[in-house]
Amino acid sequence: MDWMLKDLAEGVPQTRHVIVLSADGLRMAQHGTETDTADRLAAACAGLQSLAGAVAAELPHSQGRMRLVVIEMDGGFFYLMAAGAGAYLAVLADEGVDAGLMGQRMRDLVARIGEHLSSPPRSEGRTA
């Protein structure tokens, strides 16, 4: 999966970090970042996807799932996209990023490999 994340990062100028995480905030893959940074971002993403789901549940015809969160902040943008059952694709980019191109490339990546990005739910009481 690393080469696919690298392709996204190198295909959209100004991309800093690309992370794939499970719904509970565990890093599954990364590109362009150190492991500690990726772990912190993945944990923060778990909270964001949960909050976005709570807001989505307030819409009359929503099933309470978030599809995309975009946050603009000083210095850049943060993107969080649903990417398969229980998995998410997160990108942190500088302020000069082409937002339309980023969204398109993220959607393309998720469409191509969404089933590979899935994270099955953990089973309670079972160990590997």
Protein backbone atom coordinates (compact mmCIF):
# COMPACT_ATOMS: atom_id res chain seq x y z
CA MET A 1 0.00 0.00 0.00
CA ASP A 2 2.98 2.31 0.56
CA TRP A 3 3.53 2.94 -3.16
CA MET A 4 -0.11 3.99 -3.58
CA LEU A 5 0.20 6.48 -0.75
CA LYS A 6 3.48 7.72 -2.22
CA ASP A 7 1.74 8.17 -5.58
CA LEU A 8 -0.90 10.38 -3.94
CA ALA A 9 1.71 12.40 -2.05
CA GLU A 10 3.93 12.95 -5.07
CA GLY A 11 1.01 13.52 -7.44
CA VAL A 12 -0.37 16.47 -5.46
CA PRO A 13 2.23 19.17 -4.74
CA GLN A 14 2.29 20.55 -1.19
CA THR A 15 1.26 17.22 0.40
CA ARG A 16 3.01 16.63 3.73
CA HIS A 17 1.52 13.48 5.30
CA VAL A 18 -0.65 10.64 4.04
CA ILE A 19 -2.02 8.16 6.57
CA VAL A 20 -4.43 5.25 6.49
CA LEU A 21 -6.04 4.48 9.83
CA SER A 22 -8.68 2.27 11.38
CA ALA A 23 -11.87 3.74 12.84
CA ASP A 24 -10.43 3.38 16.33
CA GLY A 25 -7.38 5.46 15.47
CA LEU A 26 -4.72 2.86 14.76
CA ARG A 27 -2.26 3.69 11.99
CA MET A 28 -2.39 1.10 9.20
CA ALA A 29 -0.05 2.74 6.66
CA GLN A 30 1.76 6.02 6.18
CA HIS A 31 3.84 8.07 3.78
CA GLY A 32 5.85 11.23 4.32
CA THR A 33 5.81 11.19 8.09
CA GLU A 34 7.55 9.64 11.06
CA THR A 35 5.74 6.89 12.93
CA ASP A 36 5.16 9.00 16.07
CA THR A 37 3.62 11.82 14.05
CA ALA A 38 1.47 9.37 12.08
CA ASP A 39 0.25 7.78 15.31
CA ARG A 40 -0.73 11.17 16.78
CA LEU A 41 -2.55 12.17 13.59
CA ALA A 42 -4.34 8.81 13.43
CA ALA A 43 -5.56 9.19 17.02
CA ALA A 44 -6.83 12.72 16.30
CA CYS A 45 -8.57 11.45 13.15
CA ALA A 46 -10.52 8.88 15.16
CA GLY A 47 -12.02 11.69 17.23
CA LEU A 48 -12.82 13.77 14.15
CA GLN A 49 -14.59 10.94 12.34
CA SER A 50 -16.63 10.24 15.46
CA LEU A 51 -17.66 13.90 15.78
CA ALA A 52 -18.50 14.11 12.08
CA GLY A 53 -20.66 11.00 12.40
CA ALA A 54 -22.55 12.55 15.30
CA VAL A 55 -23.25 15.66 13.24
CA ALA A 56 -24.29 13.55 10.21
CA ALA A 57 -26.80 11.71 12.39
CA GLU A 58 -28.70 15.00 12.76
CA LEU A 59 -29.55 15.07 9.06
CA PRO A 60 -32.98 13.54 8.35
CA HIS A 61 -31.88 11.10 5.64
CA SER A 62 -28.37 10.39 6.89
CA GLN A 63 -27.15 7.03 8.10
CA GLY A 64 -24.80 8.82 10.48
CA ARG A 65 -21.61 8.15 8.51
CA MET A 66 -19.07 10.74 7.53
CA ARG A 67 -17.60 10.65 4.04
CA LEU A 68 -15.24 13.62 4.00
CA VAL A 69 -14.03 16.18 6.50
CA VAL A 70 -11.95 19.14 5.32
CA ILE A 71 -10.40 21.57 7.79
CA GLU A 72 -8.68 24.74 6.65
CA MET A 73 -6.23 26.14 9.18
CA ASP A 74 -3.36 28.57 9.26
CA GLY A 75 -0.68 27.02 7.08
CA GLY A 76 -2.68 24.34 5.34
CA PHE A 77 -5.50 21.86 5.01
CA PHE A 78 -6.48 18.59 6.61
CA TYR A 79 -8.56 15.98 4.75
CA LEU A 80 -10.19 12.88 6.23
CA MET A 81 -12.07 10.53 3.90
CA ALA A 82 -13.89 7.27 4.55
CA ALA A 83 -11.93 4.57 2.72
CA GLY A 84 -13.57 1.19 3.18
CA ALA A 85 -15.29 -0.55 6.06
CA GLY A 86 -13.75 0.86 9.22
CA ALA A 87 -10.81 2.57 7.48
CA TYR A 88 -9.99 6.20 6.67
CA LEU A 89 -7.54 8.08 4.48
CA ALA A 90 -6.06 11.23 6.03
CA VAL A 91 -3.91 13.88 4.36
CA LEU A 92 -2.22 16.95 5.78
CA ALA A 93 -1.15 19.49 3.14
CA ASP A 94 0.39 22.96 2.98
CA GLU A 95 -1.75 25.99 2.21
CA GLY A 96 -0.63 26.06 -1.43
CA VAL A 97 -2.26 22.69 -2.20
CA ASP A 98 -4.76 22.46 -5.04
CA ALA A 99 -7.83 21.48 -2.99
CA GLY A 100 -9.77 20.22 -6.00
CA LEU A 101 -6.90 18.04 -7.18
CA MET A 102 -6.42 16.64 -3.67
CA GLY A 103 -10.08 15.71 -3.35
CA GLN A 104 -10.07 14.07 -6.78
CA ARG A 105 -6.89 12.08 -6.14
CA MET A 106 -8.15 10.92 -2.74
CA ARG A 107 -11.48 9.79 -4.25
CA ASP A 108 -9.64 7.97 -7.04
CA LEU A 109 -7.37 6.21 -4.56
CA VAL A 110 -10.27 5.15 -2.35
CA ALA A 111 -12.25 3.90 -5.37
CA ARG A 112 -9.29 1.86 -6.64
CA ILE A 113 -8.25 0.25 -3.41
CA GLY A 114 -11.07 0.83 -0.93
CA GLU A 115 -11.52 -2.86 -0.18
CA HIS A 116 -7.79 -3.13 0.61
CA LEU A 117 -8.08 -0.24 3.05
CA SER A 118 -10.79 -1.92 5.10
CA SER A 119 -10.16 -2.65 8.73
CA PRO A 120 -12.33 -5.48 10.09
CA PRO A 121 -13.82 -4.89 13.53
CA ARG A 122 -11.89 -6.31 16.44
CA SER A 123 -13.35 -9.36 18.13
CA GLU A 124 -13.62 -9.13 21.88
CA GLY A 125 -11.99 -11.90 23.84
CA ARG A 126 -9.88 -13.15 20.94
CA THR A 127 -6.14 -12.81 20.61
CA ALA A 128 -4.02 -13.28 17.55
